[in-house]
Amino acid sequence: IKKIDVQSGMVNVRIGDTVSKGQLLVSGIVNYGNGANFINPNGKIIAEVICTKTIKIPKKYESVILSDKTDKKHVLNIAGVNFPLYLGKISDNYEKEISTKKLRLFGSEIPVKISTVFCRKKYASSTVLSVDGAKRIALNDLNDMLEKENCTNIAVLDLIVKEDCDDFIFTAKIKFTKNIAINEEISYNIDK
């Protein structure tokens, strides 16, 4: 445990303690004199976590590359009905970004909008990766995954690579800090 920031509840751990999954860190049972009060515990328990994660990266890596050329298409919208100001159709193999402007007449908004669709063609790319290329992708994927879980101070302690016919398999021993507090209801029975 690196830091304890509890607003309510009875803290059952101290900074420097080693804890395991499922251990009760903050209790909702607070003893007062001869009785106990039941409250909703609230807070953060920041811990340094060391664990192992495995990531599989295909040797034949598929990706999408966007064209440098951007085409602009315009659409007029009158009272909710779209009127394309271009011929043809925008196919699915284009990345689309839309910018819309509302039109005004004498300072008042009217039910007419003009949209500009910026289109960039998508190309499929297939690359046979080297170990170093796969390692960069694996470490980037690992970092993205941990950041989505609100992990900070991420460090790779050890990285082992194995390969089979189709994939590179990376096993990473990692260290990071994270709020490990979980709000979970615990069932109990009180016998009289």
C-alpha atoms as a PDB file:
ATOM      1  CA  ILE A   1       0.000   0.000   0.000  1.00  0.00           C
ATOM      2  CA  LYS A   2       1.433   3.392  -1.024  1.00  0.00           C
ATOM      3  CA  LYS A   3      -1.345   5.825  -0.073  1.00  0.00           C
ATOM      4  CA  ILE A   4      -4.628   5.731   1.859  1.00  0.00           C
ATOM      5  CA  ASP A   5      -7.320   8.362   1.273  1.00  0.00           C
ATOM      6  CA  VAL A   6     -10.523   7.220   2.988  1.00  0.00           C
ATOM      7  CA  GLN A   7     -13.443   9.588   3.583  1.00  0.00           C
ATOM      8  CA  SER A   8     -15.667   7.097   5.445  1.00  0.00           C
ATOM      9  CA  GLY A   9     -15.264   3.637   6.911  1.00  0.00           C
ATOM     10  CA  MET A  10     -12.812   1.773   9.121  1.00  0.00           C
ATOM     11  CA  VAL A  11      -9.388   1.331   7.464  1.00  0.00           C
ATOM     12  CA  ASN A  12      -8.051  -2.219   7.920  1.00  0.00           C
ATOM     13  CA  VAL A  13      -4.614  -1.723   6.308  1.00  0.00           C
ATOM     14  CA  ARG A  14      -1.613   0.585   6.707  1.00  0.00           C
ATOM     15  CA  ILE A  15       0.845   2.166   4.278  1.00  0.00           C
ATOM     16  CA  GLY A  16       3.534  -0.408   3.541  1.00  0.00           C
ATOM     17  CA  ASP A  17       1.232  -3.425   4.021  1.00  0.00           C
ATOM     18  CA  THR A  18       1.132  -6.203   1.431  1.00  0.00           C
ATOM     19  CA  VAL A  19      -2.427  -7.202   0.550  1.00  0.00           C
ATOM     20  CA  SER A  20      -4.036  -9.884  -1.566  1.00  0.00           C
ATOM     21  CA  LYS A  21      -7.054  -9.942  -3.862  1.00  0.00           C
ATOM     22  CA  GLY A  22     -10.323 -10.213  -1.937  1.00  0.00           C
ATOM     23  CA  GLN A  23      -8.903  -8.824   1.312  1.00  0.00           C
ATOM     24  CA  LEU A  24     -11.151  -6.345   3.156  1.00  0.00           C
ATOM     25  CA  LEU A  25      -9.314  -3.004   3.020  1.00  0.00           C
ATOM     26  CA  VAL A  26     -11.977  -0.629   4.373  1.00  0.00           C
ATOM     27  CA  SER A  27     -14.919  -1.847   6.438  1.00  0.00           C
ATOM     28  CA  GLY A  28     -18.401  -0.364   6.548  1.00  0.00           C
ATOM     29  CA  ILE A  29     -18.821  -1.511  10.153  1.00  0.00           C
ATOM     30  CA  VAL A  30     -17.668   1.200  12.553  1.00  0.00           C
ATOM     31  CA  ASN A  31     -17.674   0.423  16.289  1.00  0.00           C
ATOM     32  CA  TYR A  32     -18.861   3.166  18.657  1.00  0.00           C
ATOM     33  CA  GLY A  33     -18.832   2.326  22.352  1.00  0.00           C
ATOM     34  CA  ASN A  34     -21.065  -0.719  22.889  1.00  0.00           C
ATOM     35  CA  GLY A  35     -22.581  -0.764  19.392  1.00  0.00           C
ATOM     36  CA  ALA A  36     -21.736  -0.757  15.738  1.00  0.00           C
ATOM     37  CA  ASN A  37     -22.861   1.527  12.935  1.00  0.00           C
ATOM     38  CA  PHE A  38     -23.129   0.410   9.334  1.00  0.00           C
ATOM     39  CA  ILE A  39     -21.965   2.976   6.792  1.00  0.00           C
ATOM     40  CA  ASN A  40     -21.017   3.011   3.120  1.00  0.00           C
ATOM     41  CA  PRO A  41     -17.189   3.065   3.020  1.00  0.00           C
ATOM     42  CA  ASN A  42     -15.685   5.499   0.537  1.00  0.00           C
ATOM     43  CA  GLY A  43     -12.130   6.265  -0.487  1.00  0.00           C
ATOM     44  CA  LYS A  44      -9.042   5.240  -2.380  1.00  0.00           C
ATOM     45  CA  ILE A  45      -6.314   2.749  -1.550  1.00  0.00           C
ATOM     46  CA  ILE A  46      -3.356   3.342  -3.890  1.00  0.00           C
ATOM     47  CA  ALA A  47      -1.072   0.337  -4.194  1.00  0.00           C
ATOM     48  CA  GLU A  48       1.973  -0.704  -6.142  1.00  0.00           C
ATOM     49  CA  VAL A  49       1.006  -3.766  -8.148  1.00  0.00           C
ATOM     50  CA  ILE A  50       3.370  -6.274  -9.732  1.00  0.00           C
ATOM     51  CA  CYS A  51       1.826  -8.760 -12.133  1.00  0.00           C
ATOM     52  CA  THR A  52       2.378 -10.686 -15.341  1.00  0.00           C
ATOM     53  CA  LYS A  53       0.470 -10.037 -18.574  1.00  0.00           C
ATOM     54  CA  THR A  54       0.643 -11.985 -21.827  1.00  0.00           C
ATOM     55  CA  ILE A  55       0.096 -10.335 -25.208  1.00  0.00           C
ATOM     56  CA  LYS A  56      -0.114 -12.134 -28.535  1.00  0.00           C
ATOM     57  CA  ILE A  57       0.891 -10.194 -31.669  1.00  0.00           C
ATOM     58  CA  PRO A  58       0.344 -11.795 -35.098  1.00  0.00           C
ATOM     59  CA  LYS A  59       3.473 -12.047 -37.230  1.00  0.00           C
ATOM     60  CA  LYS A  60       1.390 -10.903 -40.191  1.00  0.00           C
ATOM     61  CA  TYR A  61       0.118  -7.564 -38.933  1.00  0.00           C
ATOM     62  CA  GLU A  62      -2.934  -5.972 -40.566  1.00  0.00           C
ATOM     63  CA  SER A  63      -3.379  -2.218 -40.314  1.00  0.00           C
ATOM     64  CA  VAL A  64      -5.212   0.618 -42.042  1.00  0.00           C
ATOM     65  CA  ILE A  65      -3.360   3.490 -43.680  1.00  0.00           C
ATOM     66  CA  LEU A  66      -5.157   6.736 -44.531  1.00  0.00           C
ATOM     67  CA  SER A  67      -4.461   8.595 -47.743  1.00  0.00           C
ATOM     68  CA  ASP A  68      -2.732  11.982 -47.492  1.00  0.00           C
ATOM     69  CA  LYS A  69      -5.285  13.375 -49.945  1.00  0.00           C
ATOM     70  CA  THR A  70      -8.523  14.737 -48.451  1.00  0.00           C
ATOM     71  CA  ASP A  71     -11.637  15.126 -50.617  1.00  0.00           C
ATOM     72  CA  LYS A  72     -14.396  17.507 -49.570  1.00  0.00           C
ATOM     73  CA  LYS A  73     -18.074  16.779 -50.166  1.00  0.00           C
ATOM     74  CA  HIS A  74     -20.866  19.181 -49.219  1.00  0.00           C
ATOM     75  CA  VAL A  75     -24.383  18.393 -48.002  1.00  0.00           C
ATOM     76  CA  LEU A  76     -27.225  20.878 -47.658  1.00  0.00           C
ATOM     77  CA  ASN A  77     -29.732  20.118 -44.902  1.00  0.00           C
ATOM     78  CA  ILE A  78     -33.085  21.876 -45.084  1.00  0.00           C
ATOM     79  CA  ALA A  79     -35.521  21.187 -42.241  1.00  0.00           C
ATOM     80  CA  GLY A  80     -33.904  17.802 -41.536  1.00  0.00           C
ATOM     81  CA  VAL A  81     -33.719  16.609 -45.173  1.00  0.00           C
ATOM     82  CA  ASN A  82     -30.235  16.081 -46.665  1.00  0.00           C
ATOM     83  CA  PHE A  83     -29.409  17.136 -50.218  1.00  0.00           C
ATOM     84  CA  PRO A  84     -25.945  15.969 -51.329  1.00  0.00           C
ATOM     85  CA  LEU A  85     -24.139  18.605 -53.399  1.00  0.00           C
ATOM     86  CA  TYR A  86     -21.950  15.997 -55.103  1.00  0.00           C
ATOM     87  CA  LEU A  87     -22.413  13.101 -57.510  1.00  0.00           C
ATOM     88  CA  GLY A  88     -22.045   9.488 -56.457  1.00  0.00           C
ATOM     89  CA  LYS A  89     -21.800   7.914 -53.043  1.00  0.00           C
ATOM     90  CA  ILE A  90     -19.112   7.968 -50.351  1.00  0.00           C
ATOM     91  CA  SER A  91     -18.048   4.337 -50.020  1.00  0.00           C
ATOM     92  CA  ASP A  92     -17.238   2.573 -46.760  1.00  0.00           C
ATOM     93  CA  ASN A  93     -13.512   2.466 -47.513  1.00  0.00           C
ATOM     94  CA  TYR A  94     -13.235   6.182 -46.619  1.00  0.00           C
ATOM     95  CA  GLU A  95     -12.568   7.735 -43.224  1.00  0.00           C
ATOM     96  CA  LYS A  96     -15.143  10.497 -42.788  1.00  0.00           C
ATOM     97  CA  GLU A  97     -15.064  13.624 -40.658  1.00  0.00           C
ATOM     98  CA  ILE A  98     -18.048  15.981 -40.741  1.00  0.00           C
ATOM     99  CA  SER A  99     -18.128  19.694 -39.985  1.00  0.00           C
ATOM    100  CA  THR A 100     -21.562  21.369 -39.845  1.00  0.00           C
ATOM    101  CA  LYS A 101     -22.450  25.066 -39.879  1.00  0.00           C
ATOM    102  CA  LYS A 102     -25.903  26.425 -39.047  1.00  0.00           C
ATOM    103  CA  LEU A 103     -27.013  29.250 -41.279  1.00  0.00           C
ATOM    104  CA  ARG A 104     -28.422  32.535 -40.010  1.00  0.00           C
ATOM    105  CA  LEU A 105     -30.578  35.141 -41.677  1.00  0.00           C
ATOM    106  CA  PHE A 106     -30.743  38.628 -40.135  1.00  0.00           C
ATOM    107  CA  GLY A 107     -29.133  37.248 -36.957  1.00  0.00           C
ATOM    108  CA  SER A 108     -31.686  34.454 -36.492  1.00  0.00           C
ATOM    109  CA  GLU A 109     -30.983  30.799 -37.005  1.00  0.00           C
ATOM    110  CA  ILE A 110     -32.884  29.228 -39.907  1.00  0.00           C
ATOM    111  CA  PRO A 111     -33.588  25.489 -40.421  1.00  0.00           C
ATOM    112  CA  VAL A 112     -30.786  25.203 -42.988  1.00  0.00           C
ATOM    113  CA  LYS A 113     -27.355  23.696 -42.376  1.00  0.00           C
ATOM    114  CA  ILE A 114     -24.389  23.110 -44.630  1.00  0.00           C
ATOM    115  CA  SER A 115     -22.124  20.173 -43.819  1.00  0.00           C
ATOM    116  CA  THR A 116     -18.682  19.493 -45.192  1.00  0.00           C
ATOM    117  CA  VAL A 117     -17.613  15.862 -45.264  1.00  0.00           C
ATOM    118  CA  PHE A 118     -13.833  15.436 -45.303  1.00  0.00           C
ATOM    119  CA  CYS A 119     -13.014  12.044 -46.848  1.00  0.00           C
ATOM    120  CA  ARG A 120      -9.697  10.192 -46.741  1.00  0.00           C
ATOM    121  CA  LYS A 121      -9.378   6.865 -48.522  1.00  0.00           C
ATOM    122  CA  LYS A 122      -8.446   3.886 -46.321  1.00  0.00           C
ATOM    123  CA  TYR A 123      -5.952   1.319 -47.544  1.00  0.00           C
ATOM    124  CA  ALA A 124      -5.399  -2.057 -45.946  1.00  0.00           C
ATOM    125  CA  SER A 125      -1.783  -2.782 -45.204  1.00  0.00           C
ATOM    126  CA  SER A 126      -0.285  -6.131 -44.365  1.00  0.00           C
ATOM    127  CA  THR A 127       3.207  -6.310 -42.879  1.00  0.00           C
ATOM    128  CA  VAL A 128       5.293  -9.240 -41.711  1.00  0.00           C
ATOM    129  CA  LEU A 129       6.677  -8.067 -38.383  1.00  0.00           C
ATOM    130  CA  SER A 130      10.134  -8.496 -36.967  1.00  0.00           C
ATOM    131  CA  VAL A 131      10.517  -9.298 -33.272  1.00  0.00           C
ATOM    132  CA  ASP A 132      11.411  -5.642 -32.588  1.00  0.00           C
ATOM    133  CA  GLY A 133       8.363  -4.373 -34.512  1.00  0.00           C
ATOM    134  CA  ALA A 134       6.072  -6.774 -32.645  1.00  0.00           C
ATOM    135  CA  LYS A 135       7.687  -5.760 -29.341  1.00  0.00           C
ATOM    136  CA  ARG A 136       6.917  -2.059 -30.004  1.00  0.00           C
ATOM    137  CA  ILE A 137       3.272  -2.916 -30.771  1.00  0.00           C
ATOM    138  CA  ALA A 138       2.978  -5.200 -27.716  1.00  0.00           C
ATOM    139  CA  LEU A 139       4.413  -2.582 -25.338  1.00  0.00           C
ATOM    140  CA  ASN A 140       2.152   0.107 -26.811  1.00  0.00           C
ATOM    141  CA  ASP A 141      -0.927  -2.159 -26.469  1.00  0.00           C
ATOM    142  CA  LEU A 142       0.056  -3.035 -22.887  1.00  0.00           C
ATOM    143  CA  ASN A 143       0.504   0.636 -21.969  1.00  0.00           C
ATOM    144  CA  ASP A 144      -2.875   1.568 -23.555  1.00  0.00           C
ATOM    145  CA  MET A 145      -4.625  -1.278 -21.700  1.00  0.00           C
ATOM    146  CA  LEU A 146      -3.162  -0.255 -18.316  1.00  0.00           C
ATOM    147  CA  GLU A 147      -3.909   3.442 -18.844  1.00  0.00           C
ATOM    148  CA  LYS A 148      -7.570   2.553 -19.576  1.00  0.00           C
ATOM    149  CA  GLU A 149      -7.584   0.801 -16.164  1.00  0.00           C
ATOM    150  CA  ASN A 150      -6.310   4.086 -14.601  1.00  0.00           C
ATOM    151  CA  CYS A 151      -2.859   2.680 -13.833  1.00  0.00           C
ATOM    152  CA  THR A 152       0.064   5.079 -13.422  1.00  0.00           C
ATOM    153  CA  ASN A 153       3.853   4.810 -13.032  1.00  0.00           C
ATOM    154  CA  ILE A 154       3.905   1.847 -15.432  1.00  0.00           C
ATOM    155  CA  ALA A 155       7.242   0.025 -15.715  1.00  0.00           C
ATOM    156  CA  VAL A 156       8.134  -3.198 -17.518  1.00  0.00           C
ATOM    157  CA  LEU A 157      10.413  -5.222 -15.244  1.00  0.00           C
ATOM    158  CA  ASP A 158      10.967  -8.163 -17.581  1.00  0.00           C
ATOM    159  CA  LEU A 159       9.825  -9.113 -21.093  1.00  0.00           C
ATOM    160  CA  ILE A 160      10.077 -12.629 -22.505  1.00  0.00           C
ATOM    161  CA  VAL A 161       9.226 -13.395 -26.126  1.00  0.00           C
ATOM    162  CA  LYS A 162       8.266 -16.748 -27.596  1.00  0.00           C
ATOM    163  CA  GLU A 163       6.938 -17.463 -31.026  1.00  0.00           C
ATOM    164  CA  ASP A 164       4.835 -20.041 -32.770  1.00  0.00           C
ATOM    165  CA  CYS A 165       3.999 -20.364 -36.468  1.00  0.00           C
ATOM    166  CA  ASP A 166       1.674 -17.353 -36.586  1.00  0.00           C
ATOM    167  CA  ASP A 167       2.327 -15.206 -33.509  1.00  0.00           C
ATOM    168  CA  PHE A 168       4.854 -13.581 -31.225  1.00  0.00           C
ATOM    169  CA  ILE A 169       3.857 -14.190 -27.591  1.00  0.00           C
ATOM    170  CA  PHE A 170       5.140 -11.616 -25.101  1.00  0.00           C
ATOM    171  CA  THR A 171       5.027 -12.241 -21.364  1.00  0.00           C
ATOM    172  CA  ALA A 172       5.676  -9.043 -19.441  1.00  0.00           C
ATOM    173  CA  LYS A 173       6.305  -8.673 -15.727  1.00  0.00           C
ATOM    174  CA  ILE A 174       5.049  -5.182 -14.966  1.00  0.00           C
ATOM    175  CA  LYS A 175       4.825  -2.791 -12.035  1.00  0.00           C
ATOM    176  CA  PHE A 176       2.325   0.064 -11.721  1.00  0.00           C
ATOM    177  CA  THR A 177       0.295   2.005  -9.179  1.00  0.00           C
ATOM    178  CA  LYS A 178      -3.475   1.841  -9.074  1.00  0.00           C
ATOM    179  CA  ASN A 179      -6.484   2.471  -6.855  1.00  0.00           C
ATOM    180  CA  ILE A 180      -7.271  -1.083  -5.705  1.00  0.00           C
ATOM    181  CA  ALA A 181     -10.333  -0.153  -3.632  1.00  0.00           C
ATOM    182  CA  ILE A 182     -13.530  -1.810  -4.853  1.00  0.00           C
ATOM    183  CA  ASN A 183     -16.984  -0.879  -3.609  1.00  0.00           C
ATOM    184  CA  GLU A 184     -18.548  -4.253  -3.001  1.00  0.00           C
ATOM    185  CA  GLU A 185     -21.410  -5.259  -0.767  1.00  0.00           C
ATOM    186  CA  ILE A 186     -20.606  -8.064   1.657  1.00  0.00           C
ATOM    187  CA  SER A 187     -23.436 -10.289   2.895  1.00  0.00           C
ATOM    188  CA  TYR A 188     -23.544 -11.245   6.553  1.00  0.00           C
ATOM    189  CA  ASN A 189     -25.964 -12.828   9.022  1.00  0.00           C
ATOM    190  CA  ILE A 190     -26.460 -11.680  12.579  1.00  0.00           C
ATOM    191  CA  ASP A 191     -27.706 -14.487  14.824  1.00  0.00           C
ATOM    192  CA  LYS A 192     -29.574 -13.451  17.995  1.00  0.00           C
END
